Every structure is written in C-alpha cells, then in structure tokens.
Amino acid sequence: LLKGDCTDTNCRFSHTLTDKNMPICQHFERGRCTKDPCPYLHVKHDRNAPVCRPFATEGYCELGGQCKRRHVFLCPDFAAGSCTNKGCRLKH
C-alpha cells in the first residue's frame, strides 16, 4: 500500500493512512531519509526503544505518533533478545 502496489479491490486492509497505522521511516530514524515527501512516519525515538507490540502484531497503535515505542513490523520478543514462539510469523 505505501509503495502504491495494492490493486486488490477486495483487500481486507485499511487504505486510509494515519499516524496510528503508519510504520516509522527507518531511514529517518538513522538520520538519512532523503525522500520528499516520505510516505512513512517521521518521529524521533531512542535507538534502543522497544518495538510496539500492538503495531507489530496488528499494524495499529492507538497512540500513533505519540507512542514511545517503535512502529516497525518486527517481532517485539526477537527485538528484545529472544523469541521462543516456534510458530512466530513476525519478521526476525
């Protein structure tokens, strides 16, 4: 969707983007985003901030851009050091 690739007329995901369902720009996080305009959320987090579990698992966080955790599609347990869920489908 963010890349403009979703053409599925029956797509079950929301196509209305807000700061509550937008991932953070990982390039901005590293101080290297050169896209203007950038389709991703530009917020500053501590580099060691934990992954937001609701965002990682559901793609949505009620706190949006005010959340102190990172809005990325990454397993929060793996990011914290160890994922013990053998069936985990999140990115490791």
C-alpha atoms as a PDB file:
ATOM      1  CA  LEU A   1       0.000   0.000   0.000  1.00  0.00           C
ATOM      2  CA  LEU A   2       2.677   2.527   0.970  1.00  0.00           C
ATOM      3  CA  LYS A   3       4.528   1.793  -2.246  1.00  0.00           C
ATOM      4  CA  GLY A   4       1.324   2.081  -4.287  1.00  0.00           C
ATOM      5  CA  ASP A   5       1.334  -1.622  -5.145  1.00  0.00           C
ATOM      6  CA  CYS A   6      -2.051  -2.701  -3.731  1.00  0.00           C
ATOM      7  CA  THR A   7      -4.500  -3.190  -6.571  1.00  0.00           C
ATOM      8  CA  ASP A   8      -6.715  -5.779  -4.851  1.00  0.00           C
ATOM      9  CA  THR A   9     -10.275  -4.434  -4.942  1.00  0.00           C
ATOM     10  CA  ASN A  10     -11.181  -6.914  -2.178  1.00  0.00           C
ATOM     11  CA  CYS A  11      -8.197  -6.080   0.052  1.00  0.00           C
ATOM     12  CA  ARG A  12      -9.148  -6.523   3.708  1.00  0.00           C
ATOM     13  CA  PHE A  13      -6.700  -3.908   4.973  1.00  0.00           C
ATOM     14  CA  SER A  14      -7.465  -0.243   5.555  1.00  0.00           C
ATOM     15  CA  HIS A  15      -6.129   2.071   2.879  1.00  0.00           C
ATOM     16  CA  THR A  16      -6.675   5.167   4.978  1.00  0.00           C
ATOM     17  CA  LEU A  17      -3.275   6.024   6.392  1.00  0.00           C
ATOM     18  CA  THR A  18      -2.920   7.803   9.717  1.00  0.00           C
ATOM     19  CA  ASP A  19      -0.125   8.024  12.265  1.00  0.00           C
ATOM     20  CA  LYS A  20      -1.839   5.108  14.061  1.00  0.00           C
ATOM     21  CA  ASN A  21      -1.249   2.600  11.247  1.00  0.00           C
ATOM     22  CA  MET A  22       1.851   4.027   9.561  1.00  0.00           C
ATOM     23  CA  PRO A  23       5.276   2.475  10.191  1.00  0.00           C
ATOM     24  CA  ILE A  24       8.165   4.728  11.088  1.00  0.00           C
ATOM     25  CA  CYS A  25      10.702   5.676   8.450  1.00  0.00           C
ATOM     26  CA  GLN A  26      13.770   3.624   9.264  1.00  0.00           C
ATOM     27  CA  HIS A  27      15.931   5.966   7.183  1.00  0.00           C
ATOM     28  CA  PHE A  28      14.687   8.970   9.195  1.00  0.00           C
ATOM     29  CA  GLU A  29      15.410   7.028  12.371  1.00  0.00           C
ATOM     30  CA  ARG A  30      19.047   6.787  11.216  1.00  0.00           C
ATOM     31  CA  GLY A  31      19.105  10.435  10.114  1.00  0.00           C
ATOM     32  CA  ARG A  32      19.284   9.540   6.405  1.00  0.00           C
ATOM     33  CA  CYS A  33      15.826   9.996   4.845  1.00  0.00           C
ATOM     34  CA  THR A  34      16.068  11.809   1.527  1.00  0.00           C
ATOM     35  CA  LYS A  35      12.501  11.269   0.304  1.00  0.00           C
ATOM     36  CA  ASP A  36      10.326  14.343  -0.012  1.00  0.00           C
ATOM     37  CA  PRO A  37       7.580  13.629   0.578  1.00  0.00           C
ATOM     38  CA  CYS A  38       8.285  10.439   2.501  1.00  0.00           C
ATOM     39  CA  PRO A  39       5.299   8.073   2.865  1.00  0.00           C
ATOM     40  CA  TYR A  40       6.489   6.852   6.281  1.00  0.00           C
ATOM     41  CA  LEU A  41       6.134   8.383   9.742  1.00  0.00           C
ATOM     42  CA  HIS A  42       8.942  10.699  10.834  1.00  0.00           C
ATOM     43  CA  VAL A  43       9.232  10.525  14.633  1.00  0.00           C
ATOM     44  CA  LYS A  44      12.310  10.514  16.838  1.00  0.00           C
ATOM     45  CA  HIS A  45      12.807   7.566  19.161  1.00  0.00           C
ATOM     46  CA  ASP A  46      15.667   6.436  21.316  1.00  0.00           C
ATOM     47  CA  ARG A  47      17.619   3.925  19.236  1.00  0.00           C
ATOM     48  CA  ASN A  48      17.025   1.360  21.980  1.00  0.00           C
ATOM     49  CA  ALA A  49      13.270   1.953  22.222  1.00  0.00           C
ATOM     50  CA  PRO A  50      11.329  -1.320  22.263  1.00  0.00           C
ATOM     51  CA  VAL A  51       9.129  -2.427  19.388  1.00  0.00           C
ATOM     52  CA  CYS A  52       5.451  -1.540  19.820  1.00  0.00           C
ATOM     53  CA  ARG A  53       3.696  -4.904  20.231  1.00  0.00           C
ATOM     54  CA  PRO A  54       0.229  -3.731  19.068  1.00  0.00           C
ATOM     55  CA  PHE A  55       1.715  -2.168  15.940  1.00  0.00           C
ATOM     56  CA  ALA A  56       3.956  -5.151  15.155  1.00  0.00           C
ATOM     57  CA  THR A  57       1.155  -7.691  15.550  1.00  0.00           C
ATOM     58  CA  GLU A  58      -1.928  -5.755  14.419  1.00  0.00           C
ATOM     59  CA  GLY A  59      -0.482  -2.942  12.298  1.00  0.00           C
ATOM     60  CA  TYR A  60      -2.201  -0.379  14.528  1.00  0.00           C
ATOM     61  CA  CYS A  61      -1.358   1.548  17.690  1.00  0.00           C
ATOM     62  CA  GLU A  62      -3.882   3.820  19.376  1.00  0.00           C
ATOM     63  CA  LEU A  63      -1.094   6.186  20.461  1.00  0.00           C
ATOM     64  CA  GLY A  64       0.051   6.820  16.894  1.00  0.00           C
ATOM     65  CA  GLY A  65       2.960   9.228  16.599  1.00  0.00           C
ATOM     66  CA  GLN A  66       2.882   9.833  20.370  1.00  0.00           C
ATOM     67  CA  CYS A  67       3.874   6.231  21.103  1.00  0.00           C
ATOM     68  CA  LYS A  68       7.286   5.906  22.740  1.00  0.00           C
ATOM     69  CA  ARG A  69       7.836   2.522  21.103  1.00  0.00           C
ATOM     70  CA  ARG A  70       8.987   1.838  17.544  1.00  0.00           C
ATOM     71  CA  HIS A  71       6.304   1.232  14.910  1.00  0.00           C
ATOM     72  CA  VAL A  72       8.008  -1.445  12.835  1.00  0.00           C
ATOM     73  CA  PHE A  73       6.920  -4.857  11.545  1.00  0.00           C
ATOM     74  CA  LEU A  74       9.391  -6.837  13.641  1.00  0.00           C
ATOM     75  CA  CYS A  75       8.835  -9.436  16.365  1.00  0.00           C
ATOM     76  CA  PRO A  76       8.991  -7.497  19.657  1.00  0.00           C
ATOM     77  CA  ASP A  77      10.338 -10.544  21.505  1.00  0.00           C
ATOM     78  CA  PHE A  78      13.083 -11.110  18.920  1.00  0.00           C
ATOM     79  CA  ALA A  79      13.957  -7.403  19.032  1.00  0.00           C
ATOM     80  CA  ALA A  80      14.230  -7.639  22.838  1.00  0.00           C
ATOM     81  CA  GLY A  81      16.639 -10.545  22.549  1.00  0.00           C
ATOM     82  CA  SER A  82      14.761 -13.826  22.212  1.00  0.00           C
ATOM     83  CA  CYS A  83      11.586 -15.135  20.601  1.00  0.00           C
ATOM     84  CA  THR A  84      10.544 -18.514  21.995  1.00  0.00           C
ATOM     85  CA  ASN A  85       7.429 -18.840  19.824  1.00  0.00           C
ATOM     86  CA  LYS A  86       8.359 -21.507  17.269  1.00  0.00           C
ATOM     87  CA  GLY A  87       5.321 -20.571  15.165  1.00  0.00           C
ATOM     88  CA  CYS A  88       6.011 -16.829  15.219  1.00  0.00           C
ATOM     89  CA  ARG A  89       5.199 -15.306  11.838  1.00  0.00           C
ATOM     90  CA  LEU A  90       6.704 -11.910  12.511  1.00  0.00           C
ATOM     91  CA  LYS A  91       9.992 -10.781  10.988  1.00  0.00           C
ATOM     92  CA  HIS A  92      13.105 -11.881  12.887  1.00  0.00           C
END
